Amino acid sequence: MTPIEPTIWDFVIVATLAAVLPAYTAFYTLPRLLRLPRATIETIRSRVYVQSLVTQWLFAGAALQLVLLRGYAWSDIGLALPTGNGLLIGAAIIGGLAALLVIQHIRLRRNPEGRALVRHALQRVEWILPRTQPQRRLWWVVSAHAGWGEELMYRGFVFALLASLLPLWAAAGASCILFGLAHAYQGVRGIVLTSVLGSAFVGMYLLTGSLWVPIAAHALYDIHAGELGFWAFARDDDD
């Protein structure tokens, strides 16, 4: 991770995308959406997904402008493939995470109380989880974009920006807190969980020297949540 030379526009971008936009969503857009009739929410869910894709590309653009407009290298924002030990560590992380998520999914589906457990765990975000097969497919696209966009924003851009002003540990911590606050729409528990996840993603980045590892891990985690949500909320049978 390479600190960047900050400009006033970097702070404007961070304030707008990492603070103002999430706060607007959590405290204005989402409350209005949740007051809509359930049937209306069902019809606009795919539109919410598309809006999320746009947001993720705005996040990615915040980091990519460093390369495309200001002469930084791809590796400066983490977009270098891991090599040597970093490659081995990254492969172990992604392989291990994928195995753990599959095992959890299988155990929950085999547990007679599994669907109820998932519904309880995901009740704060159930409104956004896919209910139909088209929504399920679109969720995979959204998850891949979330891995790409949010990691570039918070680990590729915000982390590098803060590292130019703060010690590395403080920059990492601050970027994780911002990442958690960006998920304020999930409630206090969601803020804490995503802050912890952000710390794990920072660790993956620093251990492997590549943002591709947390990008993949982030996408896998979101896909897993969507699959569990689809199983728990969209169906009432036991298949």
Protein backbone atom coordinates (compact mmCIF):
# COMPACT_ATOMS: atom_id res chain seq x y z
CA MET A 1 0.00 0.00 0.00
CA THR A 2 1.44 3.35 -1.12
CA PRO A 3 0.32 6.61 0.54
CA ILE A 4 -0.88 9.19 -1.97
CA GLU A 5 -0.19 12.90 -2.06
CA PRO A 6 -3.53 14.34 -0.96
CA THR A 7 -5.36 17.19 -2.67
CA ILE A 8 -8.43 19.08 -1.53
CA TRP A 9 -10.46 17.16 -4.10
CA ASP A 10 -9.51 13.86 -2.48
CA PHE A 11 -11.09 15.01 0.75
CA VAL A 12 -14.15 16.29 -1.11
CA ILE A 13 -14.54 12.88 -2.75
CA VAL A 14 -14.17 11.04 0.55
CA ALA A 15 -16.58 13.36 2.35
CA THR A 16 -19.16 13.02 -0.42
CA LEU A 17 -18.96 9.31 -1.18
CA ALA A 18 -17.82 7.84 2.14
CA ALA A 19 -19.78 10.08 4.52
CA VAL A 20 -22.56 12.20 3.00
CA LEU A 21 -23.93 9.62 0.55
CA PRO A 22 -24.15 6.75 3.09
CA ALA A 23 -25.71 9.06 5.70
CA TYR A 24 -28.27 10.31 3.16
CA THR A 25 -29.13 6.71 2.29
CA ALA A 26 -29.38 5.54 5.90
CA PHE A 27 -31.33 8.44 7.35
CA TYR A 28 -33.40 9.73 4.43
CA THR A 29 -33.71 7.32 1.49
CA LEU A 30 -34.06 4.08 3.44
CA PRO A 31 -36.69 5.26 5.96
CA ARG A 32 -38.81 6.53 3.06
CA LEU A 33 -38.40 3.24 1.21
CA LEU A 34 -39.33 1.13 4.24
CA ARG A 35 -42.53 3.11 4.69
CA LEU A 36 -43.70 1.93 1.27
CA PRO A 37 -46.15 -0.98 1.04
CA ARG A 38 -44.47 -4.37 0.93
CA ALA A 39 -45.76 -4.99 -2.59
CA THR A 40 -44.13 -1.78 -3.79
CA ILE A 41 -40.79 -2.72 -2.24
CA GLU A 42 -40.98 -6.04 -4.06
CA THR A 43 -41.41 -4.27 -7.40
CA ILE A 44 -38.55 -1.78 -6.94
CA ARG A 45 -35.95 -4.12 -5.43
CA SER A 46 -34.21 -4.67 -8.76
CA ARG A 47 -34.10 -0.89 -9.27
CA VAL A 48 -32.35 -0.58 -5.90
CA TYR A 49 -29.80 -3.11 -7.11
CA VAL A 50 -29.11 -1.07 -10.25
CA GLN A 51 -28.68 2.08 -8.15
CA SER A 52 -26.18 0.15 -6.03
CA LEU A 53 -24.21 -0.72 -9.17
CA VAL A 54 -23.97 2.96 -10.03
CA THR A 55 -22.73 3.74 -6.52
CA GLN A 56 -20.09 1.02 -6.74
CA TRP A 57 -18.73 2.48 -9.97
CA LEU A 58 -18.57 5.90 -8.34
CA PHE A 59 -16.55 4.28 -5.55
CA ALA A 60 -14.26 2.59 -8.06
CA GLY A 61 -13.87 5.83 -9.97
CA ALA A 62 -12.61 7.56 -6.82
CA ALA A 63 -9.64 5.20 -6.78
CA LEU A 64 -9.17 4.79 -10.51
CA GLN A 65 -8.79 8.54 -11.04
CA LEU A 66 -5.46 8.26 -9.22
CA VAL A 67 -4.19 6.01 -12.01
CA LEU A 68 -6.07 7.39 -14.99
CA LEU A 69 -5.68 11.11 -14.24
CA ARG A 70 -2.82 11.56 -11.78
CA GLY A 71 -0.11 9.15 -12.84
CA TYR A 72 -0.15 6.68 -9.95
CA ALA A 73 0.61 3.02 -10.70
CA TRP A 74 -2.05 0.31 -10.51
CA SER A 75 -0.11 -1.21 -7.64
CA ASP A 76 -0.43 2.06 -5.68
CA ILE A 77 -4.15 1.39 -5.28
CA GLY A 78 -3.64 -2.32 -4.71
CA LEU A 79 -4.46 -3.58 -8.19
CA ALA A 80 -1.38 -5.75 -8.55
CA LEU A 81 -1.66 -9.52 -8.61
CA PRO A 82 -0.17 -11.18 -5.53
CA THR A 83 3.13 -12.93 -6.05
CA GLY A 84 5.33 -15.31 -4.06
CA ASN A 85 4.15 -15.78 -0.49
CA GLY A 86 1.39 -13.25 -1.05
CA LEU A 87 -0.06 -15.48 -3.77
CA LEU A 88 0.04 -18.54 -1.51
CA ILE A 89 -1.50 -16.64 1.40
CA GLY A 90 -4.18 -15.16 -0.84
CA ALA A 91 -5.08 -18.56 -2.30
CA ALA A 92 -5.29 -20.02 1.21
CA ILE A 93 -7.51 -17.17 2.40
CA ILE A 94 -9.95 -17.40 -0.50
CA GLY A 95 -10.00 -21.19 -0.50
CA GLY A 96 -10.51 -21.32 3.26
CA LEU A 97 -13.22 -18.67 3.20
CA ALA A 98 -15.08 -20.38 0.37
CA ALA A 99 -14.95 -23.71 2.24
CA LEU A 100 -16.21 -22.13 5.48
CA LEU A 101 -19.10 -20.41 3.72
CA VAL A 102 -20.13 -23.59 1.92
CA ILE A 103 -19.99 -25.57 5.17
CA GLN A 104 -22.09 -22.95 6.97
CA HIS A 105 -24.64 -22.95 4.17
CA ILE A 106 -24.94 -26.76 4.20
CA ARG A 107 -25.25 -26.92 7.99
CA LEU A 108 -27.96 -24.26 8.05
CA ARG A 109 -29.96 -25.98 5.33
CA ARG A 110 -29.75 -29.28 7.22
CA ASN A 111 -30.74 -27.68 10.52
CA PRO A 112 -34.52 -27.79 11.12
CA GLU A 113 -34.22 -24.33 12.66
CA GLY A 114 -31.80 -23.06 10.02
CA ARG A 115 -34.29 -20.93 8.10
CA ALA A 116 -35.51 -19.27 11.29
CA LEU A 117 -31.91 -18.59 12.37
CA VAL A 118 -31.11 -16.93 9.05
CA ARG A 119 -34.29 -14.87 9.11
CA HIS A 120 -33.43 -13.62 12.57
CA ALA A 121 -29.81 -12.82 11.66
CA LEU A 122 -30.75 -10.99 8.46
CA GLN A 123 -33.97 -9.32 9.58
CA ARG A 124 -32.45 -5.82 9.41
CA VAL A 125 -31.59 -6.23 5.73
CA GLU A 126 -34.31 -8.64 4.59
CA TRP A 127 -35.90 -5.91 2.45
CA ILE A 128 -32.93 -5.86 0.10
CA LEU A 129 -32.35 -9.62 -0.23
CA PRO A 130 -33.41 -11.35 -3.47
CA ARG A 131 -36.83 -13.02 -3.70
CA THR A 132 -36.95 -14.11 -7.34
CA GLN A 133 -34.53 -15.86 -9.67
CA PRO A 134 -33.86 -12.70 -11.74
CA GLN A 135 -33.16 -10.78 -8.52
CA ARG A 136 -30.93 -13.62 -7.36
CA ARG A 137 -28.85 -13.43 -10.54
CA LEU A 138 -28.65 -9.65 -10.30
CA TRP A 139 -27.54 -9.99 -6.66
CA TRP A 140 -24.48 -11.91 -7.85
CA VAL A 141 -23.62 -8.99 -10.15
CA VAL A 142 -24.17 -6.51 -7.32
CA SER A 143 -21.99 -8.61 -5.00
CA ALA A 144 -19.13 -8.69 -7.50
CA HIS A 145 -19.41 -4.93 -7.91
CA ALA A 146 -19.51 -4.41 -4.13
CA GLY A 147 -16.27 -6.33 -3.79
CA TRP A 148 -14.71 -4.25 -6.55
CA GLY A 149 -16.14 -0.83 -5.73
CA GLU A 150 -16.06 -0.83 -1.93
CA GLU A 151 -12.58 -2.33 -1.71
CA LEU A 152 -11.19 0.18 -4.19
CA MET A 153 -12.89 3.00 -2.28
CA TYR A 154 -12.11 2.08 1.31
CA ARG A 155 -8.94 0.01 1.02
CA GLY A 156 -7.53 1.34 -2.25
CA PHE A 157 -8.33 5.05 -1.94
CA VAL A 158 -9.36 6.04 1.60
CA PHE A 159 -6.67 3.91 3.25
CA ALA A 160 -3.95 5.34 0.99
CA LEU A 161 -5.22 8.88 1.55
CA LEU A 162 -5.29 8.53 5.34
CA ALA A 163 -1.90 6.80 5.35
CA SER A 164 -0.39 10.02 3.98
CA LEU A 165 -1.59 11.81 7.13
CA LEU A 166 -1.63 9.19 9.90
CA PRO A 167 0.41 6.21 11.10
CA LEU A 168 -0.45 3.05 9.20
CA TRP A 169 -2.39 1.49 12.08
CA ALA A 170 -4.45 4.65 12.57
CA ALA A 171 -5.16 4.95 8.83
CA ALA A 172 -6.28 1.33 8.76
CA GLY A 173 -8.53 1.81 11.78
CA ALA A 174 -10.09 5.01 10.45
CA SER A 175 -10.78 3.46 7.05
CA CYS A 176 -12.49 0.50 8.75
CA ILE A 177 -14.66 2.81 10.86
CA LEU A 178 -15.68 4.75 7.75
CA PHE A 179 -16.47 1.45 6.05
CA GLY A 180 -18.65 0.45 9.00
CA LEU A 181 -20.45 3.79 9.11
CA ALA A 182 -21.17 3.48 5.39
CA HIS A 183 -23.38 0.53 6.37
CA ALA A 184 -25.39 2.50 8.94
CA TYR A 185 -28.56 1.40 7.15
CA GLN A 186 -27.94 -2.03 8.74
CA GLY A 187 -28.17 -0.63 12.26
CA VAL A 188 -25.58 -0.60 15.04
CA ARG A 189 -24.93 -4.32 14.72
CA GLY A 190 -24.30 -3.89 11.00
CA ILE A 191 -21.88 -1.03 11.60
CA VAL A 192 -19.87 -3.11 14.07
CA LEU A 193 -19.90 -6.21 11.86
CA THR A 194 -18.81 -4.36 8.74
CA SER A 195 -16.09 -2.52 10.68
CA VAL A 196 -14.73 -5.89 11.81
CA LEU A 197 -14.99 -7.22 8.26
CA GLY A 198 -13.17 -4.12 7.06
CA SER A 199 -10.34 -4.93 9.47
CA ALA A 200 -10.14 -8.43 8.03
CA PHE A 201 -10.04 -7.04 4.49
CA VAL A 202 -7.24 -4.62 5.47
CA GLY A 203 -5.33 -7.56 6.93
CA MET A 204 -5.73 -9.52 3.70
CA TYR A 205 -4.48 -6.54 1.71
CA LEU A 206 -1.41 -6.01 3.88
CA LEU A 207 -0.59 -9.74 4.06
CA THR A 208 -0.78 -10.32 0.32
CA GLY A 209 0.11 -6.91 -1.08
CA SER A 210 -2.87 -7.12 -3.39
CA LEU A 211 -6.38 -5.71 -3.23
CA TRP A 212 -7.63 -8.56 -5.42
CA VAL A 213 -7.71 -10.86 -2.40
CA PRO A 214 -10.12 -8.73 -0.29
CA ILE A 215 -12.08 -7.96 -3.46
CA ALA A 216 -12.68 -11.68 -3.97
CA ALA A 217 -13.36 -12.28 -0.26
CA HIS A 218 -15.81 -9.38 -0.11
CA ALA A 219 -17.71 -10.60 -3.16
CA LEU A 220 -17.87 -14.17 -1.80
CA TYR A 221 -19.23 -12.94 1.52
CA ASP A 222 -21.96 -10.87 -0.13
CA ILE A 223 -22.92 -13.68 -2.51
CA HIS A 224 -23.19 -16.01 0.48
CA ALA A 225 -25.47 -13.58 2.33
CA GLY A 226 -27.68 -13.25 -0.74
CA GLU A 227 -27.92 -17.02 -1.19
CA LEU A 228 -28.87 -17.50 2.45
CA GLY A 229 -31.40 -14.68 2.21
CA PHE A 230 -32.93 -16.13 -0.95
CA TRP A 231 -33.27 -19.53 0.72
CA ALA A 232 -34.67 -18.14 3.97
CA PHE A 233 -37.04 -15.44 2.72
CA ALA A 234 -38.05 -16.38 -0.81
CA ARG A 235 -39.19 -19.96 -0.19
CA ASP A 236 -41.30 -21.80 2.30
CA ASP A 237 -40.58 -25.36 1.24
CA ASP A 238 -37.76 -27.50 2.57
CA ASP A 239 -35.77 -28.30 -0.55
